[in-house]
mmCIF file of all heavy atoms, coordinates in Angstrom:
data_MODEL
# 
_entry.id   MODEL 
# 
loop_
_atom_site.group_PDB 
_atom_site.id 
_atom_site.type_symbol 
_atom_site.label_atom_id 
_atom_site.label_alt_id 
_atom_site.label_comp_id 
_atom_site.label_asym_id 
_atom_site.label_entity_id 
_atom_site.label_seq_id 
_atom_site.pdbx_PDB_ins_code 
_atom_site.Cartn_x 
_atom_site.Cartn_y 
_atom_site.Cartn_z 
_atom_site.occupancy 
_atom_site.B_iso_or_equiv 
_atom_site.pdbx_formal_charge 
_atom_site.auth_seq_id 
_atom_site.auth_comp_id 
_atom_site.auth_asym_id 
_atom_site.auth_atom_id 
_atom_site.pdbx_PDB_model_num 
ATOM 1   N N   . THR A 1 1  ? -59.653 -80.403 -75.015 1.00 0.00 ? 1  THR A N   1 
ATOM 2   C CA  . THR A 1 1  ? -60.374 -79.234 -74.402 1.00 0.00 ? 1  THR A CA  1 
ATOM 3   C C   . THR A 1 1  ? -59.446 -78.036 -74.444 1.00 0.00 ? 1  THR A C   1 
ATOM 4   O O   . THR A 1 1  ? -59.596 -77.158 -73.794 1.00 0.00 ? 1  THR A O   1 
ATOM 5   C CB  . THR A 1 1  ? -60.778 -79.592 -73.007 1.00 0.00 ? 1  THR A CB  1 
ATOM 6   O OG1 . THR A 1 1  ? -59.609 -80.034 -72.293 1.00 0.00 ? 1  THR A OG1 1 
ATOM 7   C CG2 . THR A 1 1  ? -61.830 -80.681 -72.856 1.00 0.00 ? 1  THR A CG2 1 
ATOM 8   N N   . ASP A 1 2  ? -58.635 -78.076 -75.515 1.00 0.00 ? 2  ASP A N   1 
ATOM 9   C CA  . ASP A 1 2  ? -57.524 -77.032 -75.600 1.00 0.00 ? 2  ASP A CA  1 
ATOM 10  C C   . ASP A 1 2  ? -58.230 -75.577 -75.888 1.00 0.00 ? 2  ASP A C   1 
ATOM 11  O O   . ASP A 1 2  ? -57.767 -74.540 -75.561 1.00 0.00 ? 2  ASP A O   1 
ATOM 12  C CB  . ASP A 1 2  ? -56.614 -77.290 -76.768 1.00 0.00 ? 2  ASP A CB  1 
ATOM 13  C CG  . ASP A 1 2  ? -55.654 -78.416 -76.396 1.00 0.00 ? 2  ASP A CG  1 
ATOM 14  O OD1 . ASP A 1 2  ? -55.719 -78.878 -75.156 1.00 0.00 ? 2  ASP A OD1 1 
ATOM 15  O OD2 . ASP A 1 2  ? -55.071 -78.985 -77.358 1.00 0.00 ? 2  ASP A OD2 1 
ATOM 16  N N   . GLN A 1 3  ? -59.366 -75.651 -76.629 1.00 0.00 ? 3  GLN A N   1 
ATOM 17  C CA  . GLN A 1 3  ? -60.087 -74.337 -77.059 1.00 0.00 ? 3  GLN A CA  1 
ATOM 18  C C   . GLN A 1 3  ? -61.204 -74.006 -76.007 1.00 0.00 ? 3  GLN A C   1 
ATOM 19  O O   . GLN A 1 3  ? -62.012 -73.157 -76.373 1.00 0.00 ? 3  GLN A O   1 
ATOM 20  C CB  . GLN A 1 3  ? -60.668 -74.559 -78.428 1.00 0.00 ? 3  GLN A CB  1 
ATOM 21  C CG  . GLN A 1 3  ? -59.540 -74.671 -79.593 1.00 0.00 ? 3  GLN A CG  1 
ATOM 22  C CD  . GLN A 1 3  ? -58.751 -73.547 -79.919 1.00 0.00 ? 3  GLN A CD  1 
ATOM 23  O OE1 . GLN A 1 3  ? -59.155 -72.397 -79.449 1.00 0.00 ? 3  GLN A OE1 1 
ATOM 24  N NE2 . GLN A 1 3  ? -57.784 -73.613 -80.564 1.00 0.00 ? 3  GLN A NE2 1 
ATOM 25  N N   . LEU A 1 4  ? -61.346 -74.644 -74.896 1.00 0.00 ? 4  LEU A N   1 
ATOM 26  C CA  . LEU A 1 4  ? -62.350 -74.425 -73.997 1.00 0.00 ? 4  LEU A CA  1 
ATOM 27  C C   . LEU A 1 4  ? -62.069 -73.540 -72.853 1.00 0.00 ? 4  LEU A C   1 
ATOM 28  O O   . LEU A 1 4  ? -60.893 -73.642 -72.258 1.00 0.00 ? 4  LEU A O   1 
ATOM 29  C CB  . LEU A 1 4  ? -62.912 -75.904 -73.448 1.00 0.00 ? 4  LEU A CB  1 
ATOM 30  C CG  . LEU A 1 4  ? -63.955 -75.700 -72.347 1.00 0.00 ? 4  LEU A CG  1 
ATOM 31  C CD1 . LEU A 1 4  ? -65.250 -75.448 -73.197 1.00 0.00 ? 4  LEU A CD1 1 
ATOM 32  C CD2 . LEU A 1 4  ? -64.267 -77.110 -71.760 1.00 0.00 ? 4  LEU A CD2 1 
ATOM 33  N N   . THR A 1 5  ? -62.797 -72.533 -72.559 1.00 0.00 ? 5  THR A N   1 
ATOM 34  C CA  . THR A 1 5  ? -62.783 -71.632 -71.440 1.00 0.00 ? 5  THR A CA  1 
ATOM 35  C C   . THR A 1 5  ? -63.845 -71.882 -70.393 1.00 0.00 ? 5  THR A C   1 
ATOM 36  O O   . THR A 1 5  ? -65.084 -71.843 -70.837 1.00 0.00 ? 5  THR A O   1 
ATOM 37  C CB  . THR A 1 5  ? -62.703 -70.274 -71.868 1.00 0.00 ? 5  THR A CB  1 
ATOM 38  O OG1 . THR A 1 5  ? -61.522 -70.019 -72.731 1.00 0.00 ? 5  THR A OG1 1 
ATOM 39  C CG2 . THR A 1 5  ? -62.444 -69.209 -70.665 1.00 0.00 ? 5  THR A CG2 1 
ATOM 40  N N   . ILE A 1 6  ? -63.518 -72.127 -69.185 1.00 0.00 ? 6  ILE A N   1 
ATOM 41  C CA  . ILE A 1 6  ? -64.588 -72.245 -68.144 1.00 0.00 ? 6  ILE A CA  1 
ATOM 42  C C   . ILE A 1 6  ? -64.601 -71.116 -67.268 1.00 0.00 ? 6  ILE A C   1 
ATOM 43  O O   . ILE A 1 6  ? -63.646 -70.631 -66.669 1.00 0.00 ? 6  ILE A O   1 
ATOM 44  C CB  . ILE A 1 6  ? -64.153 -73.550 -67.343 1.00 0.00 ? 6  ILE A CB  1 
ATOM 45  C CG1 . ILE A 1 6  ? -64.172 -74.809 -68.182 1.00 0.00 ? 6  ILE A CG1 1 
ATOM 46  C CG2 . ILE A 1 6  ? -65.301 -73.724 -66.148 1.00 0.00 ? 6  ILE A CG2 1 
ATOM 47  C CD1 . ILE A 1 6  ? -63.875 -76.062 -67.460 1.00 0.00 ? 6  ILE A CD1 1 
ATOM 48  N N   . HIS A 1 7  ? -65.893 -70.552 -67.044 1.00 0.00 ? 7  HIS A N   1 
ATOM 49  C CA  . HIS A 1 7  ? -66.033 -69.306 -66.348 1.00 0.00 ? 7  HIS A CA  1 
ATOM 50  C C   . HIS A 1 7  ? -66.444 -69.721 -64.862 1.00 0.00 ? 7  HIS A C   1 
ATOM 51  O O   . HIS A 1 7  ? -67.568 -70.370 -64.734 1.00 0.00 ? 7  HIS A O   1 
ATOM 52  C CB  . HIS A 1 7  ? -67.211 -68.496 -66.973 1.00 0.00 ? 7  HIS A CB  1 
ATOM 53  C CG  . HIS A 1 7  ? -67.102 -67.073 -66.576 1.00 0.00 ? 7  HIS A CG  1 
ATOM 54  N ND1 . HIS A 1 7  ? -66.576 -66.631 -65.458 1.00 0.00 ? 7  HIS A ND1 1 
ATOM 55  C CD2 . HIS A 1 7  ? -67.817 -66.064 -66.997 1.00 0.00 ? 7  HIS A CD2 1 
ATOM 56  C CE1 . HIS A 1 7  ? -66.729 -65.296 -65.254 1.00 0.00 ? 7  HIS A CE1 1 
ATOM 57  N NE2 . HIS A 1 7  ? -67.447 -64.857 -66.315 1.00 0.00 ? 7  HIS A NE2 1 
ATOM 58  N N   . LEU A 1 8  ? -65.754 -69.425 -63.948 1.00 0.00 ? 8  LEU A N   1 
ATOM 59  C CA  . LEU A 1 8  ? -65.872 -69.709 -62.585 1.00 0.00 ? 8  LEU A CA  1 
ATOM 60  C C   . LEU A 1 8  ? -66.961 -68.916 -61.726 1.00 0.00 ? 8  LEU A C   1 
ATOM 61  O O   . LEU A 1 8  ? -67.642 -69.465 -60.916 1.00 0.00 ? 8  LEU A O   1 
ATOM 62  C CB  . LEU A 1 8  ? -64.656 -69.692 -61.710 1.00 0.00 ? 8  LEU A CB  1 
ATOM 63  C CG  . LEU A 1 8  ? -63.410 -70.653 -62.220 1.00 0.00 ? 8  LEU A CG  1 
ATOM 64  C CD1 . LEU A 1 8  ? -62.217 -70.367 -61.280 1.00 0.00 ? 8  LEU A CD1 1 
ATOM 65  C CD2 . LEU A 1 8  ? -63.955 -72.082 -62.237 1.00 0.00 ? 8  LEU A CD2 1 
ATOM 66  N N   . SER A 1 9  ? -67.108 -67.707 -62.138 1.00 0.00 ? 9  SER A N   1 
ATOM 67  C CA  . SER A 1 9  ? -67.872 -66.840 -61.426 1.00 0.00 ? 9  SER A CA  1 
ATOM 68  C C   . SER A 1 9  ? -69.446 -67.061 -61.362 1.00 0.00 ? 9  SER A C   1 
ATOM 69  O O   . SER A 1 9  ? -70.047 -66.923 -60.351 1.00 0.00 ? 9  SER A O   1 
ATOM 70  C CB  . SER A 1 9  ? -67.720 -65.406 -61.895 1.00 0.00 ? 9  SER A CB  1 
ATOM 71  O OG  . SER A 1 9  ? -66.219 -65.005 -61.657 1.00 0.00 ? 9  SER A OG  1 
ATOM 72  N N   . PRO A 1 10 ? -70.066 -67.415 -62.490 1.00 0.00 ? 10 PRO A N   1 
ATOM 73  C CA  . PRO A 1 10 ? -71.503 -67.602 -62.473 1.00 0.00 ? 10 PRO A CA  1 
ATOM 74  C C   . PRO A 1 10 ? -71.825 -68.867 -61.613 1.00 0.00 ? 10 PRO A C   1 
ATOM 75  O O   . PRO A 1 10 ? -71.132 -69.842 -61.614 1.00 0.00 ? 10 PRO A O   1 
ATOM 76  C CB  . PRO A 1 10 ? -71.888 -67.812 -63.862 1.00 0.00 ? 10 PRO A CB  1 
ATOM 77  C CG  . PRO A 1 10 ? -70.789 -67.305 -64.752 1.00 0.00 ? 10 PRO A CG  1 
ATOM 78  C CD  . PRO A 1 10 ? -69.522 -67.399 -63.904 1.00 0.00 ? 10 PRO A CD  1 
ATOM 79  N N   . GLY A 1 11 ? -72.987 -68.600 -60.919 1.00 0.00 ? 11 GLY A N   1 
ATOM 80  C CA  . GLY A 1 11 ? -73.466 -69.821 -60.212 1.00 0.00 ? 11 GLY A CA  1 
ATOM 81  C C   . GLY A 1 11 ? -72.978 -69.712 -58.724 1.00 0.00 ? 11 GLY A C   1 
ATOM 82  O O   . GLY A 1 11 ? -72.606 -68.814 -58.131 1.00 0.00 ? 11 GLY A O   1 
ATOM 83  N N   . THR A 1 12 ? -73.081 -70.936 -58.163 1.00 0.00 ? 12 THR A N   1 
ATOM 84  C CA  . THR A 1 12 ? -72.738 -71.127 -56.628 1.00 0.00 ? 12 THR A CA  1 
ATOM 85  C C   . THR A 1 12 ? -71.281 -71.433 -56.410 1.00 0.00 ? 12 THR A C   1 
ATOM 86  O O   . THR A 1 12 ? -70.619 -71.791 -57.315 1.00 0.00 ? 12 THR A O   1 
ATOM 87  C CB  . THR A 1 12 ? -73.613 -72.185 -55.965 1.00 0.00 ? 12 THR A CB  1 
ATOM 88  O OG1 . THR A 1 12 ? -73.247 -73.489 -56.588 1.00 0.00 ? 12 THR A OG1 1 
ATOM 89  C CG2 . THR A 1 12 ? -75.027 -71.909 -56.143 1.00 0.00 ? 12 THR A CG2 1 
ATOM 90  N N   . PRO A 1 13 ? -70.695 -71.209 -55.122 1.00 0.00 ? 13 PRO A N   1 
ATOM 91  C CA  . PRO A 1 13 ? -69.339 -71.664 -54.871 1.00 0.00 ? 13 PRO A CA  1 
ATOM 92  C C   . PRO A 1 13 ? -69.109 -72.974 -55.074 1.00 0.00 ? 13 PRO A C   1 
ATOM 93  O O   . PRO A 1 13 ? -68.075 -73.477 -55.488 1.00 0.00 ? 13 PRO A O   1 
ATOM 94  C CB  . PRO A 1 13 ? -69.231 -71.316 -53.290 1.00 0.00 ? 13 PRO A CB  1 
ATOM 95  C CG  . PRO A 1 13 ? -70.256 -70.169 -53.203 1.00 0.00 ? 13 PRO A CG  1 
ATOM 96  C CD  . PRO A 1 13 ? -71.373 -70.430 -54.097 1.00 0.00 ? 13 PRO A CD  1 
ATOM 97  N N   . ALA A 1 14 ? -70.186 -73.837 -54.821 1.00 0.00 ? 14 ALA A N   1 
ATOM 98  C CA  . ALA A 1 14 ? -70.059 -75.427 -55.095 1.00 0.00 ? 14 ALA A CA  1 
ATOM 99  C C   . ALA A 1 14 ? -69.722 -75.632 -56.483 1.00 0.00 ? 14 ALA A C   1 
ATOM 100 O O   . ALA A 1 14 ? -68.981 -76.477 -56.907 1.00 0.00 ? 14 ALA A O   1 
ATOM 101 C CB  . ALA A 1 14 ? -71.350 -76.062 -54.649 1.00 0.00 ? 14 ALA A CB  1 
ATOM 102 N N   . MET A 1 15 ? -70.531 -74.831 -57.493 1.00 0.00 ? 15 MET A N   1 
ATOM 103 C CA  . MET A 1 15 ? -70.219 -75.032 -58.882 1.00 0.00 ? 15 MET A CA  1 
ATOM 104 C C   . MET A 1 15 ? -68.855 -74.577 -59.306 1.00 0.00 ? 15 MET A C   1 
ATOM 105 O O   . MET A 1 15 ? -68.207 -75.256 -60.042 1.00 0.00 ? 15 MET A O   1 
ATOM 106 C CB  . MET A 1 15 ? -71.319 -74.202 -59.613 1.00 0.00 ? 15 MET A CB  1 
ATOM 107 C CG  . MET A 1 15 ? -72.709 -74.703 -59.466 1.00 0.00 ? 15 MET A CG  1 
ATOM 108 S SD  . MET A 1 15 ? -74.034 -73.477 -60.019 1.00 0.00 ? 15 MET A SD  1 
ATOM 109 C CE  . MET A 1 15 ? -75.496 -74.464 -59.793 1.00 0.00 ? 15 MET A CE  1 
ATOM 110 N N   . ALA A 1 16 ? -68.397 -73.471 -58.846 1.00 0.00 ? 16 ALA A N   1 
ATOM 111 C CA  . ALA A 1 16 ? -66.971 -73.143 -59.050 1.00 0.00 ? 16 ALA A CA  1 
ATOM 112 C C   . ALA A 1 16 ? -66.008 -74.088 -58.430 1.00 0.00 ? 16 ALA A C   1 
ATOM 113 O O   . ALA A 1 16 ? -65.026 -74.406 -59.186 1.00 0.00 ? 16 ALA A O   1 
ATOM 114 C CB  . ALA A 1 16 ? -66.779 -71.809 -58.395 1.00 0.00 ? 16 ALA A CB  1 
ATOM 115 N N   . ALA A 1 17 ? -66.210 -74.692 -57.444 1.00 0.00 ? 17 ALA A N   1 
ATOM 116 C CA  . ALA A 1 17 ? -65.311 -75.699 -56.747 1.00 0.00 ? 17 ALA A CA  1 
ATOM 117 C C   . ALA A 1 17 ? -65.122 -76.971 -57.656 1.00 0.00 ? 17 ALA A C   1 
ATOM 118 O O   . ALA A 1 17 ? -64.036 -77.461 -57.910 1.00 0.00 ? 17 ALA A O   1 
ATOM 119 C CB  . ALA A 1 17 ? -65.659 -76.074 -55.359 1.00 0.00 ? 17 ALA A CB  1 
ATOM 120 N N   . VAL A 1 18 ? -66.337 -77.330 -58.127 1.00 0.00 ? 18 VAL A N   1 
ATOM 121 C CA  . VAL A 1 18 ? -66.296 -78.548 -59.083 1.00 0.00 ? 18 VAL A CA  1 
ATOM 122 C C   . VAL A 1 18 ? -65.659 -78.156 -60.360 1.00 0.00 ? 18 VAL A C   1 
ATOM 123 O O   . VAL A 1 18 ? -64.854 -79.068 -60.852 1.00 0.00 ? 18 VAL A O   1 
ATOM 124 C CB  . VAL A 1 18 ? -67.809 -78.947 -59.305 1.00 0.00 ? 18 VAL A CB  1 
ATOM 125 C CG1 . VAL A 1 18 ? -67.809 -80.014 -60.453 1.00 0.00 ? 18 VAL A CG1 1 
ATOM 126 C CG2 . VAL A 1 18 ? -68.350 -79.582 -58.088 1.00 0.00 ? 18 VAL A CG2 1 
ATOM 127 N N   . TRP A 1 19 ? -65.858 -76.947 -60.936 1.00 0.00 ? 19 TRP A N   1 
ATOM 128 C CA  . TRP A 1 19 ? -65.042 -76.728 -62.228 1.00 0.00 ? 19 TRP A CA  1 
ATOM 129 C C   . TRP A 1 19 ? -63.676 -76.550 -61.916 1.00 0.00 ? 19 TRP A C   1 
ATOM 130 O O   . TRP A 1 19 ? -62.874 -77.124 -62.839 1.00 0.00 ? 19 TRP A O   1 
ATOM 131 C CB  . TRP A 1 19 ? -65.485 -75.229 -62.509 1.00 0.00 ? 19 TRP A CB  1 
ATOM 132 C CG  . TRP A 1 19 ? -66.821 -75.095 -63.392 1.00 0.00 ? 19 TRP A CG  1 
ATOM 133 C CD1 . TRP A 1 19 ? -67.656 -73.876 -63.118 1.00 0.00 ? 19 TRP A CD1 1 
ATOM 134 C CD2 . TRP A 1 19 ? -67.401 -75.835 -64.415 1.00 0.00 ? 19 TRP A CD2 1 
ATOM 135 N NE1 . TRP A 1 19 ? -68.789 -74.125 -64.132 1.00 0.00 ? 19 TRP A NE1 1 
ATOM 136 C CE2 . TRP A 1 19 ? -68.616 -75.237 -64.801 1.00 0.00 ? 19 TRP A CE2 1 
ATOM 137 C CE3 . TRP A 1 19 ? -66.907 -76.873 -65.016 1.00 0.00 ? 19 TRP A CE3 1 
ATOM 138 C CZ2 . TRP A 1 19 ? -69.302 -75.714 -65.792 1.00 0.00 ? 19 TRP A CZ2 1 
ATOM 139 C CZ3 . TRP A 1 19 ? -67.723 -77.576 -66.045 1.00 0.00 ? 19 TRP A CZ3 1 
ATOM 140 C CH2 . TRP A 1 19 ? -68.915 -76.948 -66.442 1.00 0.00 ? 19 TRP A CH2 1 
ATOM 141 N N   . ILE A 1 20 ? -63.218 -76.207 -60.777 1.00 0.00 ? 20 ILE A N   1 
ATOM 142 C CA  . ILE A 1 20 ? -61.761 -76.077 -60.532 1.00 0.00 ? 20 ILE A CA  1 
ATOM 143 C C   . ILE A 1 20 ? -61.258 -77.540 -60.567 1.00 0.00 ? 20 ILE A C   1 
ATOM 144 O O   . ILE A 1 20 ? -60.057 -77.920 -61.103 1.00 0.00 ? 20 ILE A O   1 
ATOM 145 C CB  . ILE A 1 20 ? -61.443 -75.367 -59.284 1.00 0.00 ? 20 ILE A CB  1 
ATOM 146 C CG1 . ILE A 1 20 ? -61.725 -73.864 -59.397 1.00 0.00 ? 20 ILE A CG1 1 
ATOM 147 C CG2 . ILE A 1 20 ? -59.942 -75.422 -58.806 1.00 0.00 ? 20 ILE A CG2 1 
ATOM 148 C CD1 . ILE A 1 20 ? -61.701 -73.150 -58.146 1.00 0.00 ? 20 ILE A CD1 1 
ATOM 149 N N   . ILE A 1 21 ? -61.807 -78.343 -59.770 1.00 0.00 ? 21 ILE A N   1 
ATOM 150 C CA  . ILE A 1 21 ? -61.293 -79.776 -59.684 1.00 0.00 ? 21 ILE A CA  1 
ATOM 151 C C   . ILE A 1 21 ? -61.313 -80.484 -61.055 1.00 0.00 ? 21 ILE A C   1 
ATOM 152 O O   . ILE A 1 21 ? -60.251 -81.082 -61.399 1.00 0.00 ? 21 ILE A O   1 
ATOM 153 C CB  . ILE A 1 21 ? -62.229 -80.534 -58.731 1.00 0.00 ? 21 ILE A CB  1 
ATOM 154 C CG1 . ILE A 1 21 ? -61.962 -80.012 -57.227 1.00 0.00 ? 21 ILE A CG1 1 
ATOM 155 C CG2 . ILE A 1 21 ? -61.932 -82.042 -58.771 1.00 0.00 ? 21 ILE A CG2 1 
ATOM 156 C CD1 . ILE A 1 21 ? -62.923 -80.527 -56.380 1.00 0.00 ? 21 ILE A CD1 1 
ATOM 157 N N   . LEU A 1 22 ? -62.410 -80.347 -61.859 1.00 0.00 ? 22 LEU A N   1 
ATOM 158 C CA  . LEU A 1 22 ? -62.502 -80.969 -63.094 1.00 0.00 ? 22 LEU A CA  1 
ATOM 159 C C   . LEU A 1 22 ? -61.400 -80.381 -63.938 1.00 0.00 ? 22 LEU A C   1 
ATOM 160 O O   . LEU A 1 22 ? -60.804 -81.120 -64.831 1.00 0.00 ? 22 LEU A O   1 
ATOM 161 C CB  . LEU A 1 22 ? -63.950 -80.871 -63.636 1.00 0.00 ? 22 LEU A CB  1 
ATOM 162 C CG  . LEU A 1 22 ? -65.065 -81.795 -62.979 1.00 0.00 ? 22 LEU A CG  1 
ATOM 163 C CD1 . LEU A 1 22 ? -66.270 -81.349 -63.612 1.00 0.00 ? 22 LEU A CD1 1 
ATOM 164 C CD2 . LEU A 1 22 ? -64.673 -83.218 -63.349 1.00 0.00 ? 22 LEU A CD2 1 
ATOM 165 N N   . ALA A 1 23 ? -61.346 -79.110 -64.027 1.00 0.00 ? 23 ALA A N   1 
ATOM 166 C CA  . ALA A 1 23 ? -60.351 -78.611 -64.950 1.00 0.00 ? 23 ALA A CA  1 
ATOM 167 C C   . ALA A 1 23 ? -58.981 -78.838 -64.703 1.00 0.00 ? 23 ALA A C   1 
ATOM 168 O O   . ALA A 1 23 ? -58.105 -79.012 -65.552 1.00 0.00 ? 23 ALA A O   1 
ATOM 169 C CB  . ALA A 1 23 ? -60.447 -76.928 -64.849 1.00 0.00 ? 23 ALA A CB  1 
ATOM 170 N N   . ARG A 1 24 ? -58.531 -79.005 -63.419 1.00 0.00 ? 24 ARG A N   1 
ATOM 171 C CA  . ARG A 1 24 ? -57.144 -79.358 -63.133 1.00 0.00 ? 24 ARG A CA  1 
ATOM 172 C C   . ARG A 1 24 ? -56.945 -80.756 -63.161 1.00 0.00 ? 24 ARG A C   1 
ATOM 173 O O   . ARG A 1 24 ? -55.725 -81.145 -63.041 1.00 0.00 ? 24 ARG A O   1 
ATOM 174 C CB  . ARG A 1 24 ? -56.820 -78.766 -61.650 1.00 0.00 ? 24 ARG A CB  1 
ATOM 175 C CG  . ARG A 1 24 ? -56.847 -77.290 -61.597 1.00 0.00 ? 24 ARG A CG  1 
ATOM 176 C CD  . ARG A 1 24 ? -55.637 -76.873 -62.411 1.00 0.00 ? 24 ARG A CD  1 
ATOM 177 N NE  . ARG A 1 24 ? -55.502 -75.471 -62.199 1.00 0.00 ? 24 ARG A NE  1 
ATOM 178 C CZ  . ARG A 1 24 ? -55.807 -74.357 -63.193 1.00 0.00 ? 24 ARG A CZ  1 
ATOM 179 N NH1 . ARG A 1 24 ? -56.438 -74.984 -64.286 1.00 0.00 ? 24 ARG A NH1 1 
ATOM 180 N NH2 . ARG A 1 24 ? -55.665 -73.198 -63.034 1.00 0.00 ? 24 ARG A NH2 1 
ATOM 181 N N   . THR A 1 25 ? -57.924 -81.654 -63.256 1.00 0.00 ? 25 THR A N   1 
ATOM 182 C CA  . THR A 1 25 ? -57.659 -83.099 -63.284 1.00 0.00 ? 25 THR A CA  1 
ATOM 183 C C   . THR A 1 25 ? -58.077 -83.806 -64.528 1.00 0.00 ? 25 THR A C   1 
ATOM 184 O O   . THR A 1 25 ? -57.700 -84.889 -64.810 1.00 0.00 ? 25 THR A O   1 
ATOM 185 C CB  . THR A 1 25 ? -58.345 -83.837 -62.008 1.00 0.00 ? 25 THR A CB  1 
ATOM 186 O OG1 . THR A 1 25 ? -59.750 -83.466 -62.146 1.00 0.00 ? 25 THR A OG1 1 
ATOM 187 C CG2 . THR A 1 25 ? -57.868 -83.284 -60.794 1.00 0.00 ? 25 THR A CG2 1 
# 
């Protein structure tokens, strides 16, 4: 996933929280 960028802002705070957890783990 080296070339992948995840955008946190669109969607709900729950969606952003899940992105952060998945991206960091």
